[in-house]
C-alpha atoms as a PDB file:
ATOM      1  CA  UNK A   1      10.020  -1.334 -11.008  1.00  0.00           C
ATOM      2  CA  UNK A   2       8.156   0.005  -8.527  1.00  0.00           C
ATOM      3  CA  UNK A   3       4.853   1.926  -9.773  1.00  0.00           C
ATOM      4  CA  UNK A   4       2.623   3.971  -7.131  1.00  0.00           C
ATOM      5  CA  UNK A   5      -0.477   5.068  -8.174  1.00  0.00           C
ATOM      6  CA  UNK A   6      -0.965   8.766  -6.019  1.00  0.00           C
ATOM      7  CA  UNK A   7      -4.883   9.435  -5.715  1.00  0.00           C
ATOM      8  CA  UNK A   8      -4.859  13.794  -5.252  1.00  0.00           C
ATOM      9  CA  UNK A   9      -8.418  14.050  -2.370  1.00  0.00           C
ATOM     10  CA  UNK A  10      -7.701  17.078  -0.420  1.00  0.00           C
ATOM     11  CA  UNK A  11      -9.507  19.742  -2.095  1.00  0.00           C
ATOM     12  CA  UNK A  12     -12.784  21.080  -0.117  1.00  0.00           C
ATOM     13  CA  UNK A  13     -15.262  20.095  -2.776  1.00  0.00           C
ATOM     14  CA  UNK A  14     -16.494  23.929  -2.989  1.00  0.00           C
ATOM     15  CA  UNK A  15     -18.748  23.720  -6.539  1.00  0.00           C
ATOM     16  CA  UNK A  16     -20.210  20.642  -5.391  1.00  0.00           C
ATOM     17  CA  UNK A  17     -21.117  22.963  -2.238  1.00  0.00           C
ATOM     18  CA  UNK A  18     -18.602  22.103  -0.053  1.00  0.00           C
ATOM     19  CA  UNK A  19     -18.197  18.164   0.122  1.00  0.00           C
ATOM     20  CA  UNK A  20     -15.557  15.153  -0.131  1.00  0.00           C
ATOM     21  CA  UNK A  21     -15.273  14.094  -3.610  1.00  0.00           C
ATOM     22  CA  UNK A  22     -13.522  11.456  -2.002  1.00  0.00           C
ATOM     23  CA  UNK A  23     -16.654  10.024   0.103  1.00  0.00           C
ATOM     24  CA  UNK A  24     -18.885  10.313  -2.470  1.00  0.00           C
ATOM     25  CA  UNK A  25     -21.440   7.188  -2.991  1.00  0.00           C
ATOM     26  CA  UNK A  26     -20.081   5.102  -5.919  1.00  0.00           C
ATOM     27  CA  UNK A  27     -21.429   2.181  -6.524  1.00  0.00           C
ATOM     28  CA  UNK A  28     -22.151   0.855  -2.941  1.00  0.00           C
ATOM     29  CA  UNK A  29     -19.166   2.429  -1.358  1.00  0.00           C
ATOM     30  CA  UNK A  30     -17.353   5.793  -1.536  1.00  0.00           C
ATOM     31  CA  UNK A  31     -15.517   6.789  -4.583  1.00  0.00           C
ATOM     32  CA  UNK A  32     -12.376   7.041  -2.681  1.00  0.00           C
ATOM     33  CA  UNK A  33     -12.654   2.830  -3.145  1.00  0.00           C
ATOM     34  CA  UNK A  34     -12.799   2.813  -6.681  1.00  0.00           C
ATOM     35  CA  UNK A  35     -10.098   4.976  -7.664  1.00  0.00           C
ATOM     36  CA  UNK A  36      -7.696   3.119  -5.641  1.00  0.00           C
ATOM     37  CA  UNK A  37      -9.273  -0.301  -6.563  1.00  0.00           C
ATOM     38  CA  UNK A  38      -8.696   1.200 -10.101  1.00  0.00           C
ATOM     39  CA  UNK A  39      -4.833   1.877  -9.465  1.00  0.00           C
ATOM     40  CA  UNK A  40      -3.907  -1.435  -8.157  1.00  0.00           C
ATOM     41  CA  UNK A  41      -5.706  -3.773 -10.045  1.00  0.00           C
ATOM     42  CA  UNK A  42      -4.481  -2.130 -12.799  1.00  0.00           C
ATOM     43  CA  UNK A  43      -0.902  -2.564 -12.019  1.00  0.00           C
ATOM     44  CA  UNK A  44       0.021  -0.271  -9.389  1.00  0.00           C
ATOM     45  CA  UNK A  45       1.941  -1.759  -6.164  1.00  0.00           C
ATOM     46  CA  UNK A  46       1.402   1.082  -4.212  1.00  0.00           C
ATOM     47  CA  UNK A  47      -1.236   3.914  -3.790  1.00  0.00           C
ATOM     48  CA  UNK A  48      -0.787   6.828  -1.789  1.00  0.00           C
ATOM     49  CA  UNK A  49      -3.866   8.993  -1.292  1.00  0.00           C
ATOM     50  CA  UNK A  50      -3.225  13.022  -1.180  1.00  0.00           C
ATOM     51  CA  UNK A  51      -5.848  14.395   1.890  1.00  0.00           C
ATOM     52  CA  UNK A  52      -6.529  17.863   3.385  1.00  0.00           C
ATOM     53  CA  UNK A  53      -9.923  19.445   3.526  1.00  0.00           C
ATOM     54  CA  UNK A  54     -11.571  16.765   5.087  1.00  0.00           C
ATOM     55  CA  UNK A  55      -8.540  14.684   6.474  1.00  0.00           C
ATOM     56  CA  UNK A  56     -10.463  12.781   9.125  1.00  0.00           C
ATOM     57  CA  UNK A  57     -13.617  11.458   7.489  1.00  0.00           C
ATOM     58  CA  UNK A  58     -11.073  10.378   4.224  1.00  0.00           C
ATOM     59  CA  UNK A  59      -8.805   8.794   6.711  1.00  0.00           C
ATOM     60  CA  UNK A  60     -11.724   6.992   8.226  1.00  0.00           C
ATOM     61  CA  UNK A  61     -12.798   4.911   4.680  1.00  0.00           C
ATOM     62  CA  UNK A  62      -9.367   5.107   3.091  1.00  0.00           C
ATOM     63  CA  UNK A  63      -8.974   1.811   1.613  1.00  0.00           C
ATOM     64  CA  UNK A  64      -6.250  -0.838   4.035  1.00  0.00           C
ATOM     65  CA  UNK A  65      -3.106  -0.829   2.452  1.00  0.00           C
ATOM     66  CA  UNK A  66      -3.111   2.693   1.155  1.00  0.00           C
ATOM     67  CA  UNK A  67      -0.565   5.488   2.555  1.00  0.00           C
ATOM     68  CA  UNK A  68      -2.798   8.693   3.718  1.00  0.00           C
ATOM     69  CA  UNK A  69      -0.701  11.852   3.014  1.00  0.00           C
ATOM     70  CA  UNK A  70      -2.202  14.906   4.813  1.00  0.00           C
ATOM     71  CA  UNK A  71      -1.659  18.163   3.261  1.00  0.00           C
ATOM     72  CA  UNK A  72      -1.616  20.740   4.953  1.00  0.00           C
ATOM     73  CA  UNK A  73      -1.776  23.648   2.523  1.00  0.00           C
ATOM     74  CA  UNK A  74      -4.493  22.424   0.610  1.00  0.00           C
ATOM     75  CA  UNK A  75      -6.436  25.414   0.832  1.00  0.00           C
ATOM     76  CA  UNK A  76      -3.162  26.625  -1.570  1.00  0.00           C
ATOM     77  CA  UNK A  77      -4.409  24.651  -4.723  1.00  0.00           C
ATOM     78  CA  UNK A  78      -3.510  21.141  -6.656  1.00  0.00           C
ATOM     79  CA  UNK A  79       0.282  22.069  -6.971  1.00  0.00           C
ATOM     80  CA  UNK A  80       0.445  21.168  -3.061  1.00  0.00           C
ATOM     81  CA  UNK A  81      -0.853  18.012  -3.030  1.00  0.00           C
ATOM     82  CA  UNK A  82       0.584  16.793  -6.162  1.00  0.00           C
ATOM     83  CA  UNK A  83       4.571  18.110  -4.459  1.00  0.00           C
ATOM     84  CA  UNK A  84       3.351  16.327  -1.231  1.00  0.00           C
ATOM     85  CA  UNK A  85       2.292  13.103  -3.272  1.00  0.00           C
ATOM     86  CA  UNK A  86       5.358  13.283  -5.401  1.00  0.00           C
ATOM     87  CA  UNK A  87       7.669  14.032  -1.940  1.00  0.00           C
ATOM     88  CA  UNK A  88       6.164  10.253  -0.535  1.00  0.00           C
ATOM     89  CA  UNK A  89       6.311   8.363  -3.470  1.00  0.00           C
ATOM     90  CA  UNK A  90      10.751   9.134  -3.402  1.00  0.00           C
ATOM     91  CA  UNK A  91      11.058   5.031  -3.870  1.00  0.00           C
ATOM     92  CA  UNK A  92       8.960   4.749  -7.026  1.00  0.00           C
ATOM     93  CA  UNK A  93      10.306   4.373 -10.623  1.00  0.00           C
ATOM     94  CA  UNK A  94       6.919   5.163 -12.474  1.00  0.00           C
ATOM     95  CA  UNK A  95       3.764   7.641 -11.082  1.00  0.00           C
ATOM     96  CA  UNK A  96       0.058   6.729 -12.044  1.00  0.00           C
ATOM     97  CA  UNK A  97      -1.430  10.147 -11.583  1.00  0.00           C
ATOM     98  CA  UNK A  98      -5.221  10.542 -10.768  1.00  0.00           C
ATOM     99  CA  UNK A  99      -7.761  13.027  -9.103  1.00  0.00           C
ATOM    100  CA  UNK A 100     -10.381  12.099  -6.855  1.00  0.00           C
ATOM    101  CA  UNK A 101     -13.731  12.997  -8.582  1.00  0.00           C
ATOM    102  CA  UNK A 102     -12.806  10.466 -11.751  1.00  0.00           C
ATOM    103  CA  UNK A 103     -15.584   7.722 -11.159  1.00  0.00           C
ATOM    104  CA  UNK A 104     -14.860   6.261 -14.671  1.00  0.00           C
ATOM    105  CA  UNK A 105     -11.493   5.003 -13.733  1.00  0.00           C
ATOM    106  CA  UNK A 106     -11.319   1.272 -13.953  1.00  0.00           C
ATOM    107  CA  UNK A 107      -8.511  -1.320 -14.267  1.00  0.00           C
ATOM    108  CA  UNK A 108      -8.628  -1.679 -18.096  1.00  0.00           C
ATOM    109  CA  UNK A 109      -7.270   2.172 -18.072  1.00  0.00           C
ATOM    110  CA  UNK A 110      -4.871   2.245 -15.681  1.00  0.00           C
ATOM    111  CA  UNK A 111      -3.441  -0.953 -16.974  1.00  0.00           C
ATOM    112  CA  UNK A 112      -3.586   0.604 -20.644  1.00  0.00           C
ATOM    113  CA  UNK A 113      -1.792   3.118 -19.958  1.00  0.00           C
ATOM    114  CA  UNK A 114       1.104   1.867 -17.819  1.00  0.00           C
ATOM    115  CA  UNK A 115       1.657  -1.042 -20.533  1.00  0.00           C
ATOM    116  CA  UNK A 116       1.559   1.961 -23.193  1.00  0.00           C
ATOM    117  CA  UNK A 117       4.218   3.776 -21.142  1.00  0.00           C
ATOM    118  CA  UNK A 118       7.718   4.162 -21.897  1.00  0.00           C
ATOM    119  CA  UNK A 119      10.420   5.636 -20.535  1.00  0.00           C
ATOM    120  CA  UNK A 120      11.531   8.653 -20.924  1.00  0.00           C
ATOM    121  CA  UNK A 121       8.182  10.368 -22.011  1.00  0.00           C
ATOM    122  CA  UNK A 122       5.075  11.030 -20.160  1.00  0.00           C
ATOM    123  CA  UNK A 123       1.591   8.849 -20.823  1.00  0.00           C
ATOM    124  CA  UNK A 124      -1.639  10.902 -20.995  1.00  0.00           C
ATOM    125  CA  UNK A 125      -4.543   9.444 -21.452  1.00  0.00           C
ATOM    126  CA  UNK A 126      -7.100  10.993 -24.308  1.00  0.00           C
ATOM    127  CA  UNK A 127     -10.979  10.646 -24.738  1.00  0.00           C
ATOM    128  CA  UNK A 128     -11.653  12.010 -28.068  1.00  0.00           C
ATOM    129  CA  UNK A 129     -10.016  15.619 -27.814  1.00  0.00           C
ATOM    130  CA  UNK A 130      -9.946  15.681 -24.278  1.00  0.00           C
ATOM    131  CA  UNK A 131      -7.374  14.746 -21.953  1.00  0.00           C
ATOM    132  CA  UNK A 132      -7.815  12.793 -18.673  1.00  0.00           C
ATOM    133  CA  UNK A 133      -6.486  10.359 -15.831  1.00  0.00           C
ATOM    134  CA  UNK A 134      -4.175   8.870 -14.664  1.00  0.00           C
ATOM    135  CA  UNK A 135      -1.348  10.297 -16.235  1.00  0.00           C
ATOM    136  CA  UNK A 136       1.821   8.344 -16.122  1.00  0.00           C
ATOM    137  CA  UNK A 137       5.232   9.984 -15.486  1.00  0.00           C
ATOM    138  CA  UNK A 138       8.671   8.739 -14.420  1.00  0.00           C
ATOM    139  CA  UNK A 139       9.573   9.534 -11.439  1.00  0.00           C
ATOM    140  CA  UNK A 140      12.355  12.238 -12.507  1.00  0.00           C
ATOM    141  CA  UNK A 141       9.560  13.678 -14.715  1.00  0.00           C
ATOM    142  CA  UNK A 142       6.693  13.635 -11.381  1.00  0.00           C
ATOM    143  CA  UNK A 143       9.384  15.484  -9.396  1.00  0.00           C
ATOM    144  CA  UNK A 144       9.758  18.185 -11.887  1.00  0.00           C
ATOM    145  CA  UNK A 145       6.176  18.860 -12.994  1.00  0.00           C
ATOM    146  CA  UNK A 146       5.450  18.985  -9.243  1.00  0.00           C
ATOM    147  CA  UNK A 147       8.608  21.401  -8.384  1.00  0.00           C
ATOM    148  CA  UNK A 148       6.805  23.519 -11.738  1.00  0.00           C
ATOM    149  CA  UNK A 149       2.986  23.213 -10.611  1.00  0.00           C
ATOM    150  CA  UNK A 150       1.608  26.655  -8.778  1.00  0.00           C
ATOM    151  CA  UNK A 151      -1.771  27.077  -7.691  1.00  0.00           C
ATOM    152  CA  UNK A 152      -4.504  25.027  -8.426  1.00  0.00           C
ATOM    153  CA  UNK A 153      -2.590  23.904 -11.769  1.00  0.00           C
ATOM    154  CA  UNK A 154      -1.223  19.972 -11.077  1.00  0.00           C
ATOM    155  CA  UNK A 155       0.930  19.212 -13.745  1.00  0.00           C
ATOM    156  CA  UNK A 156      -0.797  21.176 -16.410  1.00  0.00           C
ATOM    157  CA  UNK A 157       2.486  23.540 -16.582  1.00  0.00           C
ATOM    158  CA  UNK A 158       5.280  20.583 -16.781  1.00  0.00           C
ATOM    159  CA  UNK A 159       3.182  18.842 -19.834  1.00  0.00           C
ATOM    160  CA  UNK A 160       2.718  22.226 -22.010  1.00  0.00           C
ATOM    161  CA  UNK A 161       6.160  22.772 -21.609  1.00  0.00           C
ATOM    162  CA  UNK A 162       7.208  19.120 -21.897  1.00  0.00           C
ATOM    163  CA  UNK A 163       5.129  18.597 -25.222  1.00  0.00           C
ATOM    164  CA  UNK A 164       7.434  16.712 -27.270  1.00  0.00           C
ATOM    165  CA  UNK A 165       7.764  14.117 -24.642  1.00  0.00           C
ATOM    166  CA  UNK A 166       3.734  14.023 -23.872  1.00  0.00           C
ATOM    167  CA  UNK A 167       2.439  10.554 -25.662  1.00  0.00           C
ATOM    168  CA  UNK A 168      -1.138  10.952 -25.884  1.00  0.00           C
ATOM    169  CA  UNK A 169      -3.116   7.470 -25.743  1.00  0.00           C
ATOM    170  CA  UNK A 170      -6.506   6.812 -27.215  1.00  0.00           C
ATOM    171  CA  UNK A 171      -8.809   5.819 -24.539  1.00  0.00           C
ATOM    172  CA  UNK A 172     -11.662   6.622 -25.941  1.00  0.00           C
ATOM    173  CA  UNK A 173     -13.400   3.533 -25.123  1.00  0.00           C
ATOM    174  CA  UNK A 174     -12.477   2.386 -21.911  1.00  0.00           C
ATOM    175  CA  UNK A 175     -14.000   5.113 -19.527  1.00  0.00           C
ATOM    176  CA  UNK A 176     -15.760   7.724 -18.956  1.00  0.00           C
ATOM    177  CA  UNK A 177     -13.918  10.633 -19.238  1.00  0.00           C
ATOM    178  CA  UNK A 178     -16.025  12.863 -16.897  1.00  0.00           C
ATOM    179  CA  UNK A 179     -15.639  14.077 -13.024  1.00  0.00           C
ATOM    180  CA  UNK A 180     -17.535  15.671 -10.402  1.00  0.00           C
ATOM    181  CA  UNK A 181     -17.044  19.390  -9.793  1.00  0.00           C
ATOM    182  CA  UNK A 182     -20.273  20.291  -9.250  1.00  0.00           C
ATOM    183  CA  UNK A 183     -24.219  19.297  -8.100  1.00  0.00           C
ATOM    184  CA  UNK A 184     -25.224  18.435 -12.120  1.00  0.00           C
ATOM    185  CA  UNK A 185     -22.012  16.023 -12.433  1.00  0.00           C
ATOM    186  CA  UNK A 186     -23.030  13.609  -9.691  1.00  0.00           C
ATOM    187  CA  UNK A 187     -25.466  11.754 -12.185  1.00  0.00           C
ATOM    188  CA  UNK A 188     -21.790  10.015 -12.938  1.00  0.00           C
ATOM    189  CA  UNK A 189     -22.050   8.474  -9.921  1.00  0.00           C
ATOM    190  CA  UNK A 190     -24.169   5.909 -11.229  1.00  0.00           C
END
């Protein structure tokens, strides 16, 4: 079974003042490195990073061994990045999907979600009443999620339509679920 991690990192960081979130400093290196390390150390066989707005800058710091996929339609929203990432992961059996602006991600969290995943379901980590990442799909479900996605919603529509198959996994003790959306969130990088 091949597990592919997909990191959505194509946005322009407009709510953060137009900064590439992948390049934010986290533990002495770019945040992208922490996210990729968590996926790989948590059980992903390969990692795809979808870039767009700051493609050249992010490509320059992309960890060795990752697959870089450019999304020329990044301005059309997260759905286009999801589609590009899933298309690039066509050989995978399982997809672990995350966003780049999640500094709390770690190998233990990824491992827990991958271990809990059962074929035919979608495994969604939850932190109290808040859903989080990485979301784990069988490839067929990731393809369907990408096809149903529109605008800036990512997999949300698919998850809503398939609630009966979504298994929530309580991960409250494994990570801080906060992401980096605005300057007020930068404290999470410590």
